[in-house]
Amino acid sequence: MTADVCEACLDRWMRGFQIAPEMT
């Protein structure tokens, strides 16, 4: 499976995560 996600959609998607992704 492959997919490309723009920054705005990625931000919306990740706000729904129960555990936030690690950011450095």
PDBML (XML) file of the C-alpha atoms, coordinates in Angstrom:
<?xml version="1.0" encoding="UTF-8" ?>
<PDBx:datablock datablockName="MODEL"
   xmlns:PDBx="http://pdbml.pdb.org/schema/pdbx-v50.xsd"
   xmlns:xsi="http://www.w3.org/2001/XMLSchema-instance"
   xsi:schemaLocation="http://pdbml.pdb.org/schema/pdbx-v50.xsd pdbx-v50.xsd">
   <PDBx:atom_siteCategory>
      <PDBx:atom_site id="1">
         <PDBx:B_iso_or_equiv>0.00</PDBx:B_iso_or_equiv>
         <PDBx:Cartn_x>0.000</PDBx:Cartn_x>
         <PDBx:Cartn_y>0.000</PDBx:Cartn_y>
         <PDBx:Cartn_z>0.000</PDBx:Cartn_z>
         <PDBx:auth_asym_id>A</PDBx:auth_asym_id>
         <PDBx:auth_atom_id>CA</PDBx:auth_atom_id>
         <PDBx:auth_comp_id>MET</PDBx:auth_comp_id>
         <PDBx:auth_seq_id>1</PDBx:auth_seq_id>
         <PDBx:group_PDB>ATOM</PDBx:group_PDB>
         <PDBx:label_alt_id xsi:nil="true" />
         <PDBx:label_asym_id>A</PDBx:label_asym_id>
         <PDBx:label_atom_id>CA</PDBx:label_atom_id>
         <PDBx:label_comp_id>MET</PDBx:label_comp_id>
         <PDBx:label_entity_id>1</PDBx:label_entity_id>
         <PDBx:label_seq_id>1</PDBx:label_seq_id>
         <PDBx:occupancy>1.00</PDBx:occupancy>
         <PDBx:pdbx_PDB_model_num>1</PDBx:pdbx_PDB_model_num>
         <PDBx:type_symbol>C</PDBx:type_symbol>
      </PDBx:atom_site>
      <PDBx:atom_site id="2">
         <PDBx:B_iso_or_equiv>0.00</PDBx:B_iso_or_equiv>
         <PDBx:Cartn_x>1.214</PDBx:Cartn_x>
         <PDBx:Cartn_y>3.512</PDBx:Cartn_y>
         <PDBx:Cartn_z>-0.760</PDBx:Cartn_z>
         <PDBx:auth_asym_id>A</PDBx:auth_asym_id>
         <PDBx:auth_atom_id>CA</PDBx:auth_atom_id>
         <PDBx:auth_comp_id>THR</PDBx:auth_comp_id>
         <PDBx:auth_seq_id>2</PDBx:auth_seq_id>
         <PDBx:group_PDB>ATOM</PDBx:group_PDB>
         <PDBx:label_alt_id xsi:nil="true" />
         <PDBx:label_asym_id>A</PDBx:label_asym_id>
         <PDBx:label_atom_id>CA</PDBx:label_atom_id>
         <PDBx:label_comp_id>THR</PDBx:label_comp_id>
         <PDBx:label_entity_id>1</PDBx:label_entity_id>
         <PDBx:label_seq_id>2</PDBx:label_seq_id>
         <PDBx:occupancy>1.00</PDBx:occupancy>
         <PDBx:pdbx_PDB_model_num>1</PDBx:pdbx_PDB_model_num>
         <PDBx:type_symbol>C</PDBx:type_symbol>
      </PDBx:atom_site>
      <PDBx:atom_site id="3">
         <PDBx:B_iso_or_equiv>0.00</PDBx:B_iso_or_equiv>
         <PDBx:Cartn_x>-0.353</PDBx:Cartn_x>
         <PDBx:Cartn_y>6.900</PDBx:Cartn_y>
         <PDBx:Cartn_z>-0.094</PDBx:Cartn_z>
         <PDBx:auth_asym_id>A</PDBx:auth_asym_id>
         <PDBx:auth_atom_id>CA</PDBx:auth_atom_id>
         <PDBx:auth_comp_id>ALA</PDBx:auth_comp_id>
         <PDBx:auth_seq_id>3</PDBx:auth_seq_id>
         <PDBx:group_PDB>ATOM</PDBx:group_PDB>
         <PDBx:label_alt_id xsi:nil="true" />
         <PDBx:label_asym_id>A</PDBx:label_asym_id>
         <PDBx:label_atom_id>CA</PDBx:label_atom_id>
         <PDBx:label_comp_id>ALA</PDBx:label_comp_id>
         <PDBx:label_entity_id>1</PDBx:label_entity_id>
         <PDBx:label_seq_id>3</PDBx:label_seq_id>
         <PDBx:occupancy>1.00</PDBx:occupancy>
         <PDBx:pdbx_PDB_model_num>1</PDBx:pdbx_PDB_model_num>
         <PDBx:type_symbol>C</PDBx:type_symbol>
      </PDBx:atom_site>
      <PDBx:atom_site id="4">
         <PDBx:B_iso_or_equiv>0.00</PDBx:B_iso_or_equiv>
         <PDBx:Cartn_x>0.657</PDBx:Cartn_x>
         <PDBx:Cartn_y>10.562</PDBx:Cartn_y>
         <PDBx:Cartn_z>-0.083</PDBx:Cartn_z>
         <PDBx:auth_asym_id>A</PDBx:auth_asym_id>
         <PDBx:auth_atom_id>CA</PDBx:auth_atom_id>
         <PDBx:auth_comp_id>ASP</PDBx:auth_comp_id>
         <PDBx:auth_seq_id>4</PDBx:auth_seq_id>
         <PDBx:group_PDB>ATOM</PDBx:group_PDB>
         <PDBx:label_alt_id xsi:nil="true" />
         <PDBx:label_asym_id>A</PDBx:label_asym_id>
         <PDBx:label_atom_id>CA</PDBx:label_atom_id>
         <PDBx:label_comp_id>ASP</PDBx:label_comp_id>
         <PDBx:label_entity_id>1</PDBx:label_entity_id>
         <PDBx:label_seq_id>4</PDBx:label_seq_id>
         <PDBx:occupancy>1.00</PDBx:occupancy>
         <PDBx:pdbx_PDB_model_num>1</PDBx:pdbx_PDB_model_num>
         <PDBx:type_symbol>C</PDBx:type_symbol>
      </PDBx:atom_site>
      <PDBx:atom_site id="5">
         <PDBx:B_iso_or_equiv>0.00</PDBx:B_iso_or_equiv>
         <PDBx:Cartn_x>-0.902</PDBx:Cartn_x>
         <PDBx:Cartn_y>12.972</PDBx:Cartn_y>
         <PDBx:Cartn_z>2.413</PDBx:Cartn_z>
         <PDBx:auth_asym_id>A</PDBx:auth_asym_id>
         <PDBx:auth_atom_id>CA</PDBx:auth_atom_id>
         <PDBx:auth_comp_id>VAL</PDBx:auth_comp_id>
         <PDBx:auth_seq_id>5</PDBx:auth_seq_id>
         <PDBx:group_PDB>ATOM</PDBx:group_PDB>
         <PDBx:label_alt_id xsi:nil="true" />
         <PDBx:label_asym_id>A</PDBx:label_asym_id>
         <PDBx:label_atom_id>CA</PDBx:label_atom_id>
         <PDBx:label_comp_id>VAL</PDBx:label_comp_id>
         <PDBx:label_entity_id>1</PDBx:label_entity_id>
         <PDBx:label_seq_id>5</PDBx:label_seq_id>
         <PDBx:occupancy>1.00</PDBx:occupancy>
         <PDBx:pdbx_PDB_model_num>1</PDBx:pdbx_PDB_model_num>
         <PDBx:type_symbol>C</PDBx:type_symbol>
      </PDBx:atom_site>
      <PDBx:atom_site id="6">
         <PDBx:B_iso_or_equiv>0.00</PDBx:B_iso_or_equiv>
         <PDBx:Cartn_x>-0.611</PDBx:Cartn_x>
         <PDBx:Cartn_y>16.784</PDBx:Cartn_y>
         <PDBx:Cartn_z>2.366</PDBx:Cartn_z>
         <PDBx:auth_asym_id>A</PDBx:auth_asym_id>
         <PDBx:auth_atom_id>CA</PDBx:auth_atom_id>
         <PDBx:auth_comp_id>CYS</PDBx:auth_comp_id>
         <PDBx:auth_seq_id>6</PDBx:auth_seq_id>
         <PDBx:group_PDB>ATOM</PDBx:group_PDB>
         <PDBx:label_alt_id xsi:nil="true" />
         <PDBx:label_asym_id>A</PDBx:label_asym_id>
         <PDBx:label_atom_id>CA</PDBx:label_atom_id>
         <PDBx:label_comp_id>CYS</PDBx:label_comp_id>
         <PDBx:label_entity_id>1</PDBx:label_entity_id>
         <PDBx:label_seq_id>6</PDBx:label_seq_id>
         <PDBx:occupancy>1.00</PDBx:occupancy>
         <PDBx:pdbx_PDB_model_num>1</PDBx:pdbx_PDB_model_num>
         <PDBx:type_symbol>C</PDBx:type_symbol>
      </PDBx:atom_site>
      <PDBx:atom_site id="7">
         <PDBx:B_iso_or_equiv>0.00</PDBx:B_iso_or_equiv>
         <PDBx:Cartn_x>0.493</PDBx:Cartn_x>
         <PDBx:Cartn_y>18.572</PDBx:Cartn_y>
         <PDBx:Cartn_z>5.530</PDBx:Cartn_z>
         <PDBx:auth_asym_id>A</PDBx:auth_asym_id>
         <PDBx:auth_atom_id>CA</PDBx:auth_atom_id>
         <PDBx:auth_comp_id>GLU</PDBx:auth_comp_id>
         <PDBx:auth_seq_id>7</PDBx:auth_seq_id>
         <PDBx:group_PDB>ATOM</PDBx:group_PDB>
         <PDBx:label_alt_id xsi:nil="true" />
         <PDBx:label_asym_id>A</PDBx:label_asym_id>
         <PDBx:label_atom_id>CA</PDBx:label_atom_id>
         <PDBx:label_comp_id>GLU</PDBx:label_comp_id>
         <PDBx:label_entity_id>1</PDBx:label_entity_id>
         <PDBx:label_seq_id>7</PDBx:label_seq_id>
         <PDBx:occupancy>1.00</PDBx:occupancy>
         <PDBx:pdbx_PDB_model_num>1</PDBx:pdbx_PDB_model_num>
         <PDBx:type_symbol>C</PDBx:type_symbol>
      </PDBx:atom_site>
      <PDBx:atom_site id="8">
         <PDBx:B_iso_or_equiv>0.00</PDBx:B_iso_or_equiv>
         <PDBx:Cartn_x>-2.999</PDBx:Cartn_x>
         <PDBx:Cartn_y>19.873</PDBx:Cartn_y>
         <PDBx:Cartn_z>6.381</PDBx:Cartn_z>
         <PDBx:auth_asym_id>A</PDBx:auth_asym_id>
         <PDBx:auth_atom_id>CA</PDBx:auth_atom_id>
         <PDBx:auth_comp_id>ALA</PDBx:auth_comp_id>
         <PDBx:auth_seq_id>8</PDBx:auth_seq_id>
         <PDBx:group_PDB>ATOM</PDBx:group_PDB>
         <PDBx:label_alt_id xsi:nil="true" />
         <PDBx:label_asym_id>A</PDBx:label_asym_id>
         <PDBx:label_atom_id>CA</PDBx:label_atom_id>
         <PDBx:label_comp_id>ALA</PDBx:label_comp_id>
         <PDBx:label_entity_id>1</PDBx:label_entity_id>
         <PDBx:label_seq_id>8</PDBx:label_seq_id>
         <PDBx:occupancy>1.00</PDBx:occupancy>
         <PDBx:pdbx_PDB_model_num>1</PDBx:pdbx_PDB_model_num>
         <PDBx:type_symbol>C</PDBx:type_symbol>
      </PDBx:atom_site>
      <PDBx:atom_site id="9">
         <PDBx:B_iso_or_equiv>0.00</PDBx:B_iso_or_equiv>
         <PDBx:Cartn_x>-4.573</PDBx:Cartn_x>
         <PDBx:Cartn_y>16.418</PDBx:Cartn_y>
         <PDBx:Cartn_z>6.117</PDBx:Cartn_z>
         <PDBx:auth_asym_id>A</PDBx:auth_asym_id>
         <PDBx:auth_atom_id>CA</PDBx:auth_atom_id>
         <PDBx:auth_comp_id>CYS</PDBx:auth_comp_id>
         <PDBx:auth_seq_id>9</PDBx:auth_seq_id>
         <PDBx:group_PDB>ATOM</PDBx:group_PDB>
         <PDBx:label_alt_id xsi:nil="true" />
         <PDBx:label_asym_id>A</PDBx:label_asym_id>
         <PDBx:label_atom_id>CA</PDBx:label_atom_id>
         <PDBx:label_comp_id>CYS</PDBx:label_comp_id>
         <PDBx:label_entity_id>1</PDBx:label_entity_id>
         <PDBx:label_seq_id>9</PDBx:label_seq_id>
         <PDBx:occupancy>1.00</PDBx:occupancy>
         <PDBx:pdbx_PDB_model_num>1</PDBx:pdbx_PDB_model_num>
         <PDBx:type_symbol>C</PDBx:type_symbol>
      </PDBx:atom_site>
      <PDBx:atom_site id="10">
         <PDBx:B_iso_or_equiv>0.00</PDBx:B_iso_or_equiv>
         <PDBx:Cartn_x>-1.713</PDBx:Cartn_x>
         <PDBx:Cartn_y>14.876</PDBx:Cartn_y>
         <PDBx:Cartn_z>8.085</PDBx:Cartn_z>
         <PDBx:auth_asym_id>A</PDBx:auth_asym_id>
         <PDBx:auth_atom_id>CA</PDBx:auth_atom_id>
         <PDBx:auth_comp_id>LEU</PDBx:auth_comp_id>
         <PDBx:auth_seq_id>10</PDBx:auth_seq_id>
         <PDBx:group_PDB>ATOM</PDBx:group_PDB>
         <PDBx:label_alt_id xsi:nil="true" />
         <PDBx:label_asym_id>A</PDBx:label_asym_id>
         <PDBx:label_atom_id>CA</PDBx:label_atom_id>
         <PDBx:label_comp_id>LEU</PDBx:label_comp_id>
         <PDBx:label_entity_id>1</PDBx:label_entity_id>
         <PDBx:label_seq_id>10</PDBx:label_seq_id>
         <PDBx:occupancy>1.00</PDBx:occupancy>
         <PDBx:pdbx_PDB_model_num>1</PDBx:pdbx_PDB_model_num>
         <PDBx:type_symbol>C</PDBx:type_symbol>
      </PDBx:atom_site>
      <PDBx:atom_site id="11">
         <PDBx:B_iso_or_equiv>0.00</PDBx:B_iso_or_equiv>
         <PDBx:Cartn_x>-2.255</PDBx:Cartn_x>
         <PDBx:Cartn_y>17.395</PDBx:Cartn_y>
         <PDBx:Cartn_z>10.908</PDBx:Cartn_z>
         <PDBx:auth_asym_id>A</PDBx:auth_asym_id>
         <PDBx:auth_atom_id>CA</PDBx:auth_atom_id>
         <PDBx:auth_comp_id>ASP</PDBx:auth_comp_id>
         <PDBx:auth_seq_id>11</PDBx:auth_seq_id>
         <PDBx:group_PDB>ATOM</PDBx:group_PDB>
         <PDBx:label_alt_id xsi:nil="true" />
         <PDBx:label_asym_id>A</PDBx:label_asym_id>
         <PDBx:label_atom_id>CA</PDBx:label_atom_id>
         <PDBx:label_comp_id>ASP</PDBx:label_comp_id>
         <PDBx:label_entity_id>1</PDBx:label_entity_id>
         <PDBx:label_seq_id>11</PDBx:label_seq_id>
         <PDBx:occupancy>1.00</PDBx:occupancy>
         <PDBx:pdbx_PDB_model_num>1</PDBx:pdbx_PDB_model_num>
         <PDBx:type_symbol>C</PDBx:type_symbol>
      </PDBx:atom_site>
      <PDBx:atom_site id="12">
         <PDBx:B_iso_or_equiv>0.00</PDBx:B_iso_or_equiv>
         <PDBx:Cartn_x>-6.004</PDBx:Cartn_x>
         <PDBx:Cartn_y>16.617</PDBx:Cartn_y>
         <PDBx:Cartn_z>10.971</PDBx:Cartn_z>
         <PDBx:auth_asym_id>A</PDBx:auth_asym_id>
         <PDBx:auth_atom_id>CA</PDBx:auth_atom_id>
         <PDBx:auth_comp_id>ARG</PDBx:auth_comp_id>
         <PDBx:auth_seq_id>12</PDBx:auth_seq_id>
         <PDBx:group_PDB>ATOM</PDBx:group_PDB>
         <PDBx:label_alt_id xsi:nil="true" />
         <PDBx:label_asym_id>A</PDBx:label_asym_id>
         <PDBx:label_atom_id>CA</PDBx:label_atom_id>
         <PDBx:label_comp_id>ARG</PDBx:label_comp_id>
         <PDBx:label_entity_id>1</PDBx:label_entity_id>
         <PDBx:label_seq_id>12</PDBx:label_seq_id>
         <PDBx:occupancy>1.00</PDBx:occupancy>
         <PDBx:pdbx_PDB_model_num>1</PDBx:pdbx_PDB_model_num>
         <PDBx:type_symbol>C</PDBx:type_symbol>
      </PDBx:atom_site>
      <PDBx:atom_site id="13">
         <PDBx:B_iso_or_equiv>0.00</PDBx:B_iso_or_equiv>
         <PDBx:Cartn_x>-5.355</PDBx:Cartn_x>
         <PDBx:Cartn_y>12.875</PDBx:Cartn_y>
         <PDBx:Cartn_z>10.908</PDBx:Cartn_z>
         <PDBx:auth_asym_id>A</PDBx:auth_asym_id>
         <PDBx:auth_atom_id>CA</PDBx:auth_atom_id>
         <PDBx:auth_comp_id>TRP</PDBx:auth_comp_id>
         <PDBx:auth_seq_id>13</PDBx:auth_seq_id>
         <PDBx:group_PDB>ATOM</PDBx:group_PDB>
         <PDBx:label_alt_id xsi:nil="true" />
         <PDBx:label_asym_id>A</PDBx:label_asym_id>
         <PDBx:label_atom_id>CA</PDBx:label_atom_id>
         <PDBx:label_comp_id>TRP</PDBx:label_comp_id>
         <PDBx:label_entity_id>1</PDBx:label_entity_id>
         <PDBx:label_seq_id>13</PDBx:label_seq_id>
         <PDBx:occupancy>1.00</PDBx:occupancy>
         <PDBx:pdbx_PDB_model_num>1</PDBx:pdbx_PDB_model_num>
         <PDBx:type_symbol>C</PDBx:type_symbol>
      </PDBx:atom_site>
      <PDBx:atom_site id="14">
         <PDBx:B_iso_or_equiv>0.00</PDBx:B_iso_or_equiv>
         <PDBx:Cartn_x>-2.796</PDBx:Cartn_x>
         <PDBx:Cartn_y>12.957</PDBx:Cartn_y>
         <PDBx:Cartn_z>13.729</PDBx:Cartn_z>
         <PDBx:auth_asym_id>A</PDBx:auth_asym_id>
         <PDBx:auth_atom_id>CA</PDBx:auth_atom_id>
         <PDBx:auth_comp_id>MET</PDBx:auth_comp_id>
         <PDBx:auth_seq_id>14</PDBx:auth_seq_id>
         <PDBx:group_PDB>ATOM</PDBx:group_PDB>
         <PDBx:label_alt_id xsi:nil="true" />
         <PDBx:label_asym_id>A</PDBx:label_asym_id>
         <PDBx:label_atom_id>CA</PDBx:label_atom_id>
         <PDBx:label_comp_id>MET</PDBx:label_comp_id>
         <PDBx:label_entity_id>1</PDBx:label_entity_id>
         <PDBx:label_seq_id>14</PDBx:label_seq_id>
         <PDBx:occupancy>1.00</PDBx:occupancy>
         <PDBx:pdbx_PDB_model_num>1</PDBx:pdbx_PDB_model_num>
         <PDBx:type_symbol>C</PDBx:type_symbol>
      </PDBx:atom_site>
      <PDBx:atom_site id="15">
         <PDBx:B_iso_or_equiv>0.00</PDBx:B_iso_or_equiv>
         <PDBx:Cartn_x>-5.000</PDBx:Cartn_x>
         <PDBx:Cartn_y>15.098</PDBx:Cartn_y>
         <PDBx:Cartn_z>15.985</PDBx:Cartn_z>
         <PDBx:auth_asym_id>A</PDBx:auth_asym_id>
         <PDBx:auth_atom_id>CA</PDBx:auth_atom_id>
         <PDBx:auth_comp_id>ARG</PDBx:auth_comp_id>
         <PDBx:auth_seq_id>15</PDBx:auth_seq_id>
         <PDBx:group_PDB>ATOM</PDBx:group_PDB>
         <PDBx:label_alt_id xsi:nil="true" />
         <PDBx:label_asym_id>A</PDBx:label_asym_id>
         <PDBx:label_atom_id>CA</PDBx:label_atom_id>
         <PDBx:label_comp_id>ARG</PDBx:label_comp_id>
         <PDBx:label_entity_id>1</PDBx:label_entity_id>
         <PDBx:label_seq_id>15</PDBx:label_seq_id>
         <PDBx:occupancy>1.00</PDBx:occupancy>
         <PDBx:pdbx_PDB_model_num>1</PDBx:pdbx_PDB_model_num>
         <PDBx:type_symbol>C</PDBx:type_symbol>
      </PDBx:atom_site>
      <PDBx:atom_site id="16">
         <PDBx:B_iso_or_equiv>0.00</PDBx:B_iso_or_equiv>
         <PDBx:Cartn_x>-7.283</PDBx:Cartn_x>
         <PDBx:Cartn_y>12.046</PDBx:Cartn_y>
         <PDBx:Cartn_z>16.126</PDBx:Cartn_z>
         <PDBx:auth_asym_id>A</PDBx:auth_asym_id>
         <PDBx:auth_atom_id>CA</PDBx:auth_atom_id>
         <PDBx:auth_comp_id>GLY</PDBx:auth_comp_id>
         <PDBx:auth_seq_id>16</PDBx:auth_seq_id>
         <PDBx:group_PDB>ATOM</PDBx:group_PDB>
         <PDBx:label_alt_id xsi:nil="true" />
         <PDBx:label_asym_id>A</PDBx:label_asym_id>
         <PDBx:label_atom_id>CA</PDBx:label_atom_id>
         <PDBx:label_comp_id>GLY</PDBx:label_comp_id>
         <PDBx:label_entity_id>1</PDBx:label_entity_id>
         <PDBx:label_seq_id>16</PDBx:label_seq_id>
         <PDBx:occupancy>1.00</PDBx:occupancy>
         <PDBx:pdbx_PDB_model_num>1</PDBx:pdbx_PDB_model_num>
         <PDBx:type_symbol>C</PDBx:type_symbol>
      </PDBx:atom_site>
      <PDBx:atom_site id="17">
         <PDBx:B_iso_or_equiv>0.00</PDBx:B_iso_or_equiv>
         <PDBx:Cartn_x>-4.533</PDBx:Cartn_x>
         <PDBx:Cartn_y>9.726</PDBx:Cartn_y>
         <PDBx:Cartn_z>17.421</PDBx:Cartn_z>
         <PDBx:auth_asym_id>A</PDBx:auth_asym_id>
         <PDBx:auth_atom_id>CA</PDBx:auth_atom_id>
         <PDBx:auth_comp_id>PHE</PDBx:auth_comp_id>
         <PDBx:auth_seq_id>17</PDBx:auth_seq_id>
         <PDBx:group_PDB>ATOM</PDBx:group_PDB>
         <PDBx:label_alt_id xsi:nil="true" />
         <PDBx:label_asym_id>A</PDBx:label_asym_id>
         <PDBx:label_atom_id>CA</PDBx:label_atom_id>
         <PDBx:label_comp_id>PHE</PDBx:label_comp_id>
         <PDBx:label_entity_id>1</PDBx:label_entity_id>
         <PDBx:label_seq_id>17</PDBx:label_seq_id>
         <PDBx:occupancy>1.00</PDBx:occupancy>
         <PDBx:pdbx_PDB_model_num>1</PDBx:pdbx_PDB_model_num>
         <PDBx:type_symbol>C</PDBx:type_symbol>
      </PDBx:atom_site>
      <PDBx:atom_site id="18">
         <PDBx:B_iso_or_equiv>0.00</PDBx:B_iso_or_equiv>
         <PDBx:Cartn_x>-4.965</PDBx:Cartn_x>
         <PDBx:Cartn_y>8.529</PDBx:Cartn_y>
         <PDBx:Cartn_z>21.005</PDBx:Cartn_z>
         <PDBx:auth_asym_id>A</PDBx:auth_asym_id>
         <PDBx:auth_atom_id>CA</PDBx:auth_atom_id>
         <PDBx:auth_comp_id>GLN</PDBx:auth_comp_id>
         <PDBx:auth_seq_id>18</PDBx:auth_seq_id>
         <PDBx:group_PDB>ATOM</PDBx:group_PDB>
         <PDBx:label_alt_id xsi:nil="true" />
         <PDBx:label_asym_id>A</PDBx:label_asym_id>
         <PDBx:label_atom_id>CA</PDBx:label_atom_id>
         <PDBx:label_comp_id>GLN</PDBx:label_comp_id>
         <PDBx:label_entity_id>1</PDBx:label_entity_id>
         <PDBx:label_seq_id>18</PDBx:label_seq_id>
         <PDBx:occupancy>1.00</PDBx:occupancy>
         <PDBx:pdbx_PDB_model_num>1</PDBx:pdbx_PDB_model_num>
         <PDBx:type_symbol>C</PDBx:type_symbol>
      </PDBx:atom_site>
      <PDBx:atom_site id="19">
         <PDBx:B_iso_or_equiv>0.00</PDBx:B_iso_or_equiv>
         <PDBx:Cartn_x>-1.169</PDBx:Cartn_x>
         <PDBx:Cartn_y>8.593</PDBx:Cartn_y>
         <PDBx:Cartn_z>21.434</PDBx:Cartn_z>
         <PDBx:auth_asym_id>A</PDBx:auth_asym_id>
         <PDBx:auth_atom_id>CA</PDBx:auth_atom_id>
         <PDBx:auth_comp_id>ILE</PDBx:auth_comp_id>
         <PDBx:auth_seq_id>19</PDBx:auth_seq_id>
         <PDBx:group_PDB>ATOM</PDBx:group_PDB>
         <PDBx:label_alt_id xsi:nil="true" />
         <PDBx:label_asym_id>A</PDBx:label_asym_id>
         <PDBx:label_atom_id>CA</PDBx:label_atom_id>
         <PDBx:label_comp_id>ILE</PDBx:label_comp_id>
         <PDBx:label_entity_id>1</PDBx:label_entity_id>
         <PDBx:label_seq_id>19</PDBx:label_seq_id>
         <PDBx:occupancy>1.00</PDBx:occupancy>
         <PDBx:pdbx_PDB_model_num>1</PDBx:pdbx_PDB_model_num>
         <PDBx:type_symbol>C</PDBx:type_symbol>
      </PDBx:atom_site>
      <PDBx:atom_site id="20">
         <PDBx:B_iso_or_equiv>0.00</PDBx:B_iso_or_equiv>
         <PDBx:Cartn_x>0.547</PDBx:Cartn_x>
         <PDBx:Cartn_y>11.481</PDBx:Cartn_y>
         <PDBx:Cartn_z>19.669</PDBx:Cartn_z>
         <PDBx:auth_asym_id>A</PDBx:auth_asym_id>
         <PDBx:auth_atom_id>CA</PDBx:auth_atom_id>
         <PDBx:auth_comp_id>ALA</PDBx:auth_comp_id>
         <PDBx:auth_seq_id>20</PDBx:auth_seq_id>
         <PDBx:group_PDB>ATOM</PDBx:group_PDB>
         <PDBx:label_alt_id xsi:nil="true" />
         <PDBx:label_asym_id>A</PDBx:label_asym_id>
         <PDBx:label_atom_id>CA</PDBx:label_atom_id>
         <PDBx:label_comp_id>ALA</PDBx:label_comp_id>
         <PDBx:label_entity_id>1</PDBx:label_entity_id>
         <PDBx:label_seq_id>20</PDBx:label_seq_id>
         <PDBx:occupancy>1.00</PDBx:occupancy>
         <PDBx:pdbx_PDB_model_num>1</PDBx:pdbx_PDB_model_num>
         <PDBx:type_symbol>C</PDBx:type_symbol>
      </PDBx:atom_site>
      <PDBx:atom_site id="21">
         <PDBx:B_iso_or_equiv>0.00</PDBx:B_iso_or_equiv>
         <PDBx:Cartn_x>3.451</PDBx:Cartn_x>
         <PDBx:Cartn_y>10.669</PDBx:Cartn_y>
         <PDBx:Cartn_z>17.357</PDBx:Cartn_z>
         <PDBx:auth_asym_id>A</PDBx:auth_asym_id>
         <PDBx:auth_atom_id>CA</PDBx:auth_atom_id>
         <PDBx:auth_comp_id>PRO</PDBx:auth_comp_id>
         <PDBx:auth_seq_id>21</PDBx:auth_seq_id>
         <PDBx:group_PDB>ATOM</PDBx:group_PDB>
         <PDBx:label_alt_id xsi:nil="true" />
         <PDBx:label_asym_id>A</PDBx:label_asym_id>
         <PDBx:label_atom_id>CA</PDBx:label_atom_id>
         <PDBx:label_comp_id>PRO</PDBx:label_comp_id>
         <PDBx:label_entity_id>1</PDBx:label_entity_id>
         <PDBx:label_seq_id>21</PDBx:label_seq_id>
         <PDBx:occupancy>1.00</PDBx:occupancy>
         <PDBx:pdbx_PDB_model_num>1</PDBx:pdbx_PDB_model_num>
         <PDBx:type_symbol>C</PDBx:type_symbol>
      </PDBx:atom_site>
      <PDBx:atom_site id="22">
         <PDBx:B_iso_or_equiv>0.00</PDBx:B_iso_or_equiv>
         <PDBx:Cartn_x>6.914</PDBx:Cartn_x>
         <PDBx:Cartn_y>11.482</PDBx:Cartn_y>
         <PDBx:Cartn_z>18.669</PDBx:Cartn_z>
         <PDBx:auth_asym_id>A</PDBx:auth_asym_id>
         <PDBx:auth_atom_id>CA</PDBx:auth_atom_id>
         <PDBx:auth_comp_id>GLU</PDBx:auth_comp_id>
         <PDBx:auth_seq_id>22</PDBx:auth_seq_id>
         <PDBx:group_PDB>ATOM</PDBx:group_PDB>
         <PDBx:label_alt_id xsi:nil="true" />
         <PDBx:label_asym_id>A</PDBx:label_asym_id>
         <PDBx:label_atom_id>CA</PDBx:label_atom_id>
         <PDBx:label_comp_id>GLU</PDBx:label_comp_id>
         <PDBx:label_entity_id>1</PDBx:label_entity_id>
         <PDBx:label_seq_id>22</PDBx:label_seq_id>
         <PDBx:occupancy>1.00</PDBx:occupancy>
         <PDBx:pdbx_PDB_model_num>1</PDBx:pdbx_PDB_model_num>
         <PDBx:type_symbol>C</PDBx:type_symbol>
      </PDBx:atom_site>
      <PDBx:atom_site id="23">
         <PDBx:B_iso_or_equiv>0.00</PDBx:B_iso_or_equiv>
         <PDBx:Cartn_x>8.279</PDBx:Cartn_x>
         <PDBx:Cartn_y>14.728</PDBx:Cartn_y>
         <PDBx:Cartn_z>17.252</PDBx:Cartn_z>
         <PDBx:auth_asym_id>A</PDBx:auth_asym_id>
         <PDBx:auth_atom_id>CA</PDBx:auth_atom_id>
         <PDBx:auth_comp_id>MET</PDBx:auth_comp_id>
         <PDBx:auth_seq_id>23</PDBx:auth_seq_id>
         <PDBx:group_PDB>ATOM</PDBx:group_PDB>
         <PDBx:label_alt_id xsi:nil="true" />
         <PDBx:label_asym_id>A</PDBx:label_asym_id>
         <PDBx:label_atom_id>CA</PDBx:label_atom_id>
         <PDBx:label_comp_id>MET</PDBx:label_comp_id>
         <PDBx:label_entity_id>1</PDBx:label_entity_id>
         <PDBx:label_seq_id>23</PDBx:label_seq_id>
         <PDBx:occupancy>1.00</PDBx:occupancy>
         <PDBx:pdbx_PDB_model_num>1</PDBx:pdbx_PDB_model_num>
         <PDBx:type_symbol>C</PDBx:type_symbol>
      </PDBx:atom_site>
      <PDBx:atom_site id="24">
         <PDBx:B_iso_or_equiv>0.00</PDBx:B_iso_or_equiv>
         <PDBx:Cartn_x>11.898</PDBx:Cartn_x>
         <PDBx:Cartn_y>15.827</PDBx:Cartn_y>
         <PDBx:Cartn_z>17.233</PDBx:Cartn_z>
         <PDBx:auth_asym_id>A</PDBx:auth_asym_id>
         <PDBx:auth_atom_id>CA</PDBx:auth_atom_id>
         <PDBx:auth_comp_id>THR</PDBx:auth_comp_id>
         <PDBx:auth_seq_id>24</PDBx:auth_seq_id>
         <PDBx:group_PDB>ATOM</PDBx:group_PDB>
         <PDBx:label_alt_id xsi:nil="true" />
         <PDBx:label_asym_id>A</PDBx:label_asym_id>
         <PDBx:label_atom_id>CA</PDBx:label_atom_id>
         <PDBx:label_comp_id>THR</PDBx:label_comp_id>
         <PDBx:label_entity_id>1</PDBx:label_entity_id>
         <PDBx:label_seq_id>24</PDBx:label_seq_id>
         <PDBx:occupancy>1.00</PDBx:occupancy>
         <PDBx:pdbx_PDB_model_num>1</PDBx:pdbx_PDB_model_num>
         <PDBx:type_symbol>C</PDBx:type_symbol>
      </PDBx:atom_site>
   </PDBx:atom_siteCategory>
</PDBx:datablock>
